[in-house]
Amino acid sequence: MAGAERVTVTLPASLLEQIDRVERNRSRFIAEAVQQELLRRRREGLLRSISDPHPDTTELAGVSLADWTSDLPAEEDLVDNAAGVPVRWVEGTGWVRERQ
C-alpha cells in the first residue's frame, strides 16, 4: 500500500477470528472493507441528494441547460446542448424525463 500509515484499531476478538479465517492479510482486508463502506456511503449520499435536493439547488431545477450555459464563450464548445436526456424536477417525485 503506497502512502500507507499505521493506525491502531480495536476490534472484537471474534471479528478478528472471522477475518483470519478468510484472509491472511488483515490490513489489506480491513482497507478493502473500509473502501467499500466509504463508496457505499458516498452512493447513499448521492441518492439522498437526488431524492431530497438542497433548497439552494431547487431554483436551478427550472433552468434549461441552454439558459445555464448561455454565459459561456461560444467558441469553447464546452457543452453539447443536444446531448443527454431532457429532465425536469417534480416536487415530491424527483427528476423525471421530459415528454417530447
N, C-alpha and C. Protein backbone atom coordinates (compact mmCIF):
# COMPACT_ATOMS: atom_id res chain seq x y z
N MET A 1 0.85 -1.19 0.00
CA MET A 1 0.00 0.00 0.00
C MET A 1 0.88 1.24 0.00
N ALA A 2 0.87 1.96 -1.09
CA ALA A 2 1.67 3.17 -1.19
C ALA A 2 1.07 4.26 -0.30
N GLY A 3 1.92 4.97 0.39
CA GLY A 3 1.46 6.06 1.25
C GLY A 3 0.66 5.58 2.44
N ALA A 4 0.89 4.38 2.86
CA ALA A 4 0.14 3.82 3.99
C ALA A 4 0.63 4.39 5.31
N GLU A 5 -0.29 4.50 6.25
CA GLU A 5 0.05 4.93 7.61
C GLU A 5 -0.46 3.89 8.59
N ARG A 6 0.27 3.73 9.64
CA ARG A 6 -0.11 2.76 10.67
C ARG A 6 -1.11 3.43 11.61
N VAL A 7 -2.19 2.69 11.91
CA VAL A 7 -3.20 3.17 12.86
C VAL A 7 -3.50 2.03 13.83
N THR A 8 -4.03 2.39 14.96
CA THR A 8 -4.44 1.39 15.93
C THR A 8 -5.96 1.36 15.95
N VAL A 9 -6.50 0.18 15.72
CA VAL A 9 -7.95 -0.01 15.70
C VAL A 9 -8.27 -1.17 16.64
N THR A 10 -9.24 -0.97 17.48
CA THR A 10 -9.65 -2.02 18.41
C THR A 10 -10.87 -2.73 17.84
N LEU A 11 -10.75 -4.06 17.67
CA LEU A 11 -11.84 -4.87 17.15
C LEU A 11 -12.09 -6.03 18.09
N PRO A 12 -13.33 -6.50 18.15
CA PRO A 12 -13.62 -7.67 18.97
C PRO A 12 -12.82 -8.89 18.49
N ALA A 13 -12.38 -9.71 19.41
CA ALA A 13 -11.59 -10.90 19.08
C ALA A 13 -12.35 -11.81 18.13
N SER A 14 -13.65 -11.95 18.31
CA SER A 14 -14.43 -12.83 17.44
C SER A 14 -14.43 -12.32 15.99
N LEU A 15 -14.42 -11.01 15.81
CA LEU A 15 -14.37 -10.44 14.45
C LEU A 15 -13.01 -10.72 13.82
N LEU A 16 -11.94 -10.58 14.59
CA LEU A 16 -10.61 -10.89 14.06
C LEU A 16 -10.49 -12.36 13.66
N GLU A 17 -11.10 -13.24 14.46
CA GLU A 17 -11.07 -14.67 14.13
C GLU A 17 -11.78 -14.91 12.79
N GLN A 18 -12.88 -14.23 12.57
CA GLN A 18 -13.61 -14.38 11.31
C GLN A 18 -12.78 -13.87 10.13
N ILE A 19 -12.11 -12.75 10.33
CA ILE A 19 -11.25 -12.19 9.27
C ILE A 19 -10.12 -13.17 8.97
N ASP A 20 -9.50 -13.68 10.01
CA ASP A 20 -8.36 -14.60 9.83
C ASP A 20 -8.76 -15.87 9.10
N ARG A 21 -10.02 -16.28 9.21
CA ARG A 21 -10.48 -17.49 8.52
C ARG A 21 -10.57 -17.28 7.01
N VAL A 22 -10.77 -16.04 6.57
CA VAL A 22 -10.96 -15.78 5.13
C VAL A 22 -9.80 -15.03 4.48
N GLU A 23 -8.93 -14.41 5.28
CA GLU A 23 -7.86 -13.58 4.71
C GLU A 23 -6.64 -13.63 5.60
N ARG A 24 -5.48 -13.84 4.97
CA ARG A 24 -4.23 -13.87 5.75
C ARG A 24 -3.71 -12.47 6.05
N ASN A 25 -4.00 -11.53 5.20
CA ASN A 25 -3.51 -10.16 5.37
C ASN A 25 -4.64 -9.30 5.95
N ARG A 26 -4.65 -9.15 7.26
CA ARG A 26 -5.70 -8.37 7.93
C ARG A 26 -5.76 -6.94 7.42
N SER A 27 -4.60 -6.32 7.29
CA SER A 27 -4.56 -4.91 6.89
C SER A 27 -5.23 -4.70 5.53
N ARG A 28 -4.88 -5.56 4.57
CA ARG A 28 -5.47 -5.43 3.24
C ARG A 28 -6.99 -5.65 3.31
N PHE A 29 -7.40 -6.66 4.05
CA PHE A 29 -8.83 -6.97 4.18
C PHE A 29 -9.58 -5.78 4.77
N ILE A 30 -9.06 -5.22 5.85
CA ILE A 30 -9.73 -4.11 6.51
C ILE A 30 -9.72 -2.87 5.61
N ALA A 31 -8.61 -2.61 4.91
CA ALA A 31 -8.54 -1.47 4.00
C ALA A 31 -9.59 -1.60 2.89
N GLU A 32 -9.72 -2.81 2.32
CA GLU A 32 -10.73 -3.03 1.28
C GLU A 32 -12.14 -2.86 1.82
N ALA A 33 -12.37 -3.35 3.03
CA ALA A 33 -13.69 -3.22 3.64
C ALA A 33 -14.04 -1.75 3.89
N VAL A 34 -13.07 -1.00 4.34
CA VAL A 34 -13.29 0.43 4.60
C VAL A 34 -13.56 1.17 3.28
N GLN A 35 -12.79 0.84 2.24
CA GLN A 35 -13.02 1.47 0.93
C GLN A 35 -14.43 1.18 0.43
N GLN A 36 -14.88 -0.06 0.57
CA GLN A 36 -16.23 -0.42 0.13
C GLN A 36 -17.30 0.33 0.93
N GLU A 37 -17.08 0.47 2.23
CA GLU A 37 -18.05 1.19 3.07
C GLU A 37 -18.09 2.67 2.70
N LEU A 38 -16.94 3.26 2.44
CA LEU A 38 -16.91 4.67 2.03
C LEU A 38 -17.63 4.87 0.70
N LEU A 39 -17.42 3.96 -0.24
CA LEU A 39 -18.11 4.02 -1.52
C LEU A 39 -19.61 3.87 -1.33
N ARG A 40 -20.03 2.94 -0.48
CA ARG A 40 -21.46 2.74 -0.20
C ARG A 40 -22.08 4.00 0.38
N ARG A 41 -21.38 4.62 1.33
CA ARG A 41 -21.92 5.84 1.95
C ARG A 41 -21.97 7.00 0.97
N ARG A 42 -20.97 7.09 0.08
CA ARG A 42 -20.97 8.15 -0.93
C ARG A 42 -22.16 7.98 -1.87
N ARG A 43 -22.40 6.74 -2.31
CA ARG A 43 -23.55 6.47 -3.18
C ARG A 43 -24.86 6.77 -2.45
N GLU A 44 -24.95 6.37 -1.20
CA GLU A 44 -26.14 6.62 -0.40
C GLU A 44 -26.40 8.13 -0.29
N GLY A 45 -25.34 8.90 -0.08
CA GLY A 45 -25.48 10.35 0.00
C GLY A 45 -25.93 10.95 -1.32
N LEU A 46 -25.40 10.44 -2.43
CA LEU A 46 -25.83 10.94 -3.74
C LEU A 46 -27.30 10.62 -3.99
N LEU A 47 -27.71 9.40 -3.66
CA LEU A 47 -29.12 9.04 -3.84
C LEU A 47 -30.02 9.91 -2.97
N ARG A 48 -29.57 10.18 -1.75
CA ARG A 48 -30.35 11.04 -0.84
C ARG A 48 -30.46 12.45 -1.40
N SER A 49 -29.36 12.96 -1.99
CA SER A 49 -29.40 14.32 -2.53
C SER A 49 -30.27 14.41 -3.77
N ILE A 50 -30.40 13.31 -4.51
CA ILE A 50 -31.28 13.31 -5.68
C ILE A 50 -32.74 13.31 -5.25
N SER A 51 -33.07 12.50 -4.25
CA SER A 51 -34.45 12.42 -3.80
C SER A 51 -34.87 13.60 -2.94
N ASP A 52 -33.92 14.26 -2.31
CA ASP A 52 -34.22 15.41 -1.46
C ASP A 52 -33.12 16.45 -1.62
N PRO A 53 -33.16 17.21 -2.73
CA PRO A 53 -32.06 18.14 -3.01
C PRO A 53 -32.02 19.31 -2.02
N HIS A 54 -30.86 19.91 -1.92
CA HIS A 54 -30.68 21.07 -1.06
C HIS A 54 -31.56 22.20 -1.58
N PRO A 55 -32.20 22.97 -0.69
CA PRO A 55 -33.09 24.04 -1.13
C PRO A 55 -32.45 25.04 -2.09
N ASP A 56 -31.16 25.31 -1.95
CA ASP A 56 -30.50 26.26 -2.85
C ASP A 56 -30.45 25.77 -4.29
N THR A 57 -30.56 24.46 -4.49
CA THR A 57 -30.48 23.93 -5.86
C THR A 57 -31.83 23.89 -6.56
N THR A 58 -32.93 24.03 -5.81
CA THR A 58 -34.24 23.93 -6.45
C THR A 58 -34.48 25.07 -7.43
N GLU A 59 -33.84 26.21 -7.22
CA GLU A 59 -34.01 27.30 -8.17
C GLU A 59 -33.40 26.96 -9.53
N LEU A 60 -32.43 26.09 -9.56
CA LEU A 60 -31.82 25.68 -10.82
C LEU A 60 -32.67 24.65 -11.55
N ALA A 61 -33.62 24.04 -10.87
CA ALA A 61 -34.40 22.96 -11.47
C ALA A 61 -35.17 23.42 -12.69
N GLY A 62 -35.61 24.67 -12.70
CA GLY A 62 -36.40 25.17 -13.82
C GLY A 62 -35.57 25.78 -14.94
N VAL A 63 -34.27 25.78 -14.79
CA VAL A 63 -33.40 26.40 -15.77
C VAL A 63 -32.95 25.34 -16.78
N SER A 64 -33.08 25.65 -18.05
CA SER A 64 -32.64 24.70 -19.06
C SER A 64 -31.12 24.73 -19.17
N LEU A 65 -30.55 23.70 -19.77
CA LEU A 65 -29.11 23.64 -19.97
C LEU A 65 -28.65 24.81 -20.84
N ALA A 66 -29.44 25.13 -21.86
CA ALA A 66 -29.08 26.24 -22.74
C ALA A 66 -29.03 27.56 -21.97
N ASP A 67 -30.00 27.78 -21.07
CA ASP A 67 -30.00 29.00 -20.25
C ASP A 67 -28.81 29.02 -19.30
N TRP A 68 -28.55 27.87 -18.69
CA TRP A 68 -27.48 27.78 -17.70
C TRP A 68 -26.11 28.01 -18.34
N THR A 69 -25.96 27.60 -19.59
CA THR A 69 -24.67 27.73 -20.27
C THR A 69 -24.58 28.96 -21.17
N SER A 70 -25.60 29.79 -21.17
CA SER A 70 -25.64 30.93 -22.10
C SER A 70 -24.50 31.92 -21.89
N ASP A 71 -23.94 31.99 -20.69
CA ASP A 71 -22.85 32.93 -20.42
C ASP A 71 -21.47 32.37 -20.79
N LEU A 72 -21.41 31.10 -21.18
CA LEU A 72 -20.12 30.53 -21.57
C LEU A 72 -19.71 31.04 -22.94
N PRO A 73 -18.44 31.20 -23.17
CA PRO A 73 -17.97 31.63 -24.50
C PRO A 73 -18.36 30.58 -25.55
N ALA A 74 -18.94 31.03 -26.64
CA ALA A 74 -19.44 30.13 -27.68
C ALA A 74 -18.33 29.32 -28.33
N GLU A 75 -17.15 29.91 -28.48
CA GLU A 75 -16.07 29.20 -29.17
C GLU A 75 -15.47 28.07 -28.36
N GLU A 76 -15.82 27.98 -27.10
CA GLU A 76 -15.23 26.95 -26.24
C GLU A 76 -15.85 25.57 -26.47
N ASP A 77 -17.09 25.50 -26.94
CA ASP A 77 -17.77 24.21 -27.15
C ASP A 77 -17.66 23.31 -25.92
N LEU A 78 -17.88 23.91 -24.75
CA LEU A 78 -17.77 23.15 -23.51
C LEU A 78 -18.96 22.24 -23.27
N VAL A 79 -20.12 22.62 -23.80
CA VAL A 79 -21.34 21.87 -23.53
C VAL A 79 -22.07 21.60 -24.83
N ASP A 80 -22.49 20.36 -25.03
CA ASP A 80 -23.29 19.98 -26.18
C ASP A 80 -24.74 19.96 -25.74
N ASN A 81 -25.51 20.99 -26.11
CA ASN A 81 -26.90 21.10 -25.68
C ASN A 81 -27.78 20.00 -26.27
N ALA A 82 -27.34 19.37 -27.34
CA ALA A 82 -28.12 18.31 -27.97
C ALA A 82 -27.92 16.96 -27.28
N ALA A 83 -26.92 16.83 -26.46
CA ALA A 83 -26.63 15.57 -25.79
C ALA A 83 -27.48 15.42 -24.53
N GLY A 84 -27.62 14.20 -24.08
CA GLY A 84 -28.31 13.95 -22.82
C GLY A 84 -29.80 13.73 -22.98
N VAL A 85 -30.48 13.64 -21.86
CA VAL A 85 -31.91 13.39 -21.82
C VAL A 85 -32.57 14.55 -21.10
N PRO A 86 -33.57 15.19 -21.70
CA PRO A 86 -34.26 16.30 -21.02
C PRO A 86 -35.01 15.80 -19.78
N VAL A 87 -34.79 16.46 -18.66
CA VAL A 87 -35.46 16.10 -17.42
C VAL A 87 -35.98 17.36 -16.75
N ARG A 88 -36.88 17.17 -15.81
CA ARG A 88 -37.35 18.29 -15.00
C ARG A 88 -37.61 17.78 -13.60
N TRP A 89 -37.58 18.71 -12.64
CA TRP A 89 -37.79 18.37 -11.24
C TRP A 89 -39.27 18.45 -10.91
N VAL A 90 -39.81 17.40 -10.29
CA VAL A 90 -41.20 17.39 -9.85
C VAL A 90 -41.17 17.22 -8.33
N GLU A 91 -41.68 18.22 -7.64
CA GLU A 91 -41.70 18.19 -6.17
C GLU A 91 -42.41 16.94 -5.69
N GLY A 92 -41.78 16.23 -4.76
CA GLY A 92 -42.34 15.01 -4.21
C GLY A 92 -42.06 13.76 -5.03
N THR A 93 -41.58 13.94 -6.25
CA THR A 93 -41.27 12.80 -7.12
C THR A 93 -39.79 12.73 -7.43
N GLY A 94 -39.20 13.88 -7.70
CA GLY A 94 -37.79 13.92 -8.07
C GLY A 94 -37.64 14.25 -9.54
N TRP A 95 -36.52 13.85 -10.12
CA TRP A 95 -36.23 14.14 -11.52
C TRP A 95 -37.02 13.17 -12.40
N VAL A 96 -37.74 13.71 -13.38
CA VAL A 96 -38.50 12.89 -14.33
C VAL A 96 -38.11 13.30 -15.75
N ARG A 97 -38.19 12.35 -16.65
CA ARG A 97 -37.87 12.60 -18.05
C ARG A 97 -38.94 13.48 -18.68
N GLU A 98 -38.54 14.48 -19.45
CA GLU A 98 -39.48 15.36 -20.14
C GLU A 98 -40.13 14.60 -21.28
N ARG A 99 -41.42 14.82 -21.46
CA ARG A 99 -42.12 14.24 -22.61
C ARG A 99 -41.86 15.13 -23.81
N GLN A 100 -41.61 14.48 -24.93
CA GLN A 100 -41.33 15.27 -26.14
C GLN A 100 -42.35 15.03 -27.21
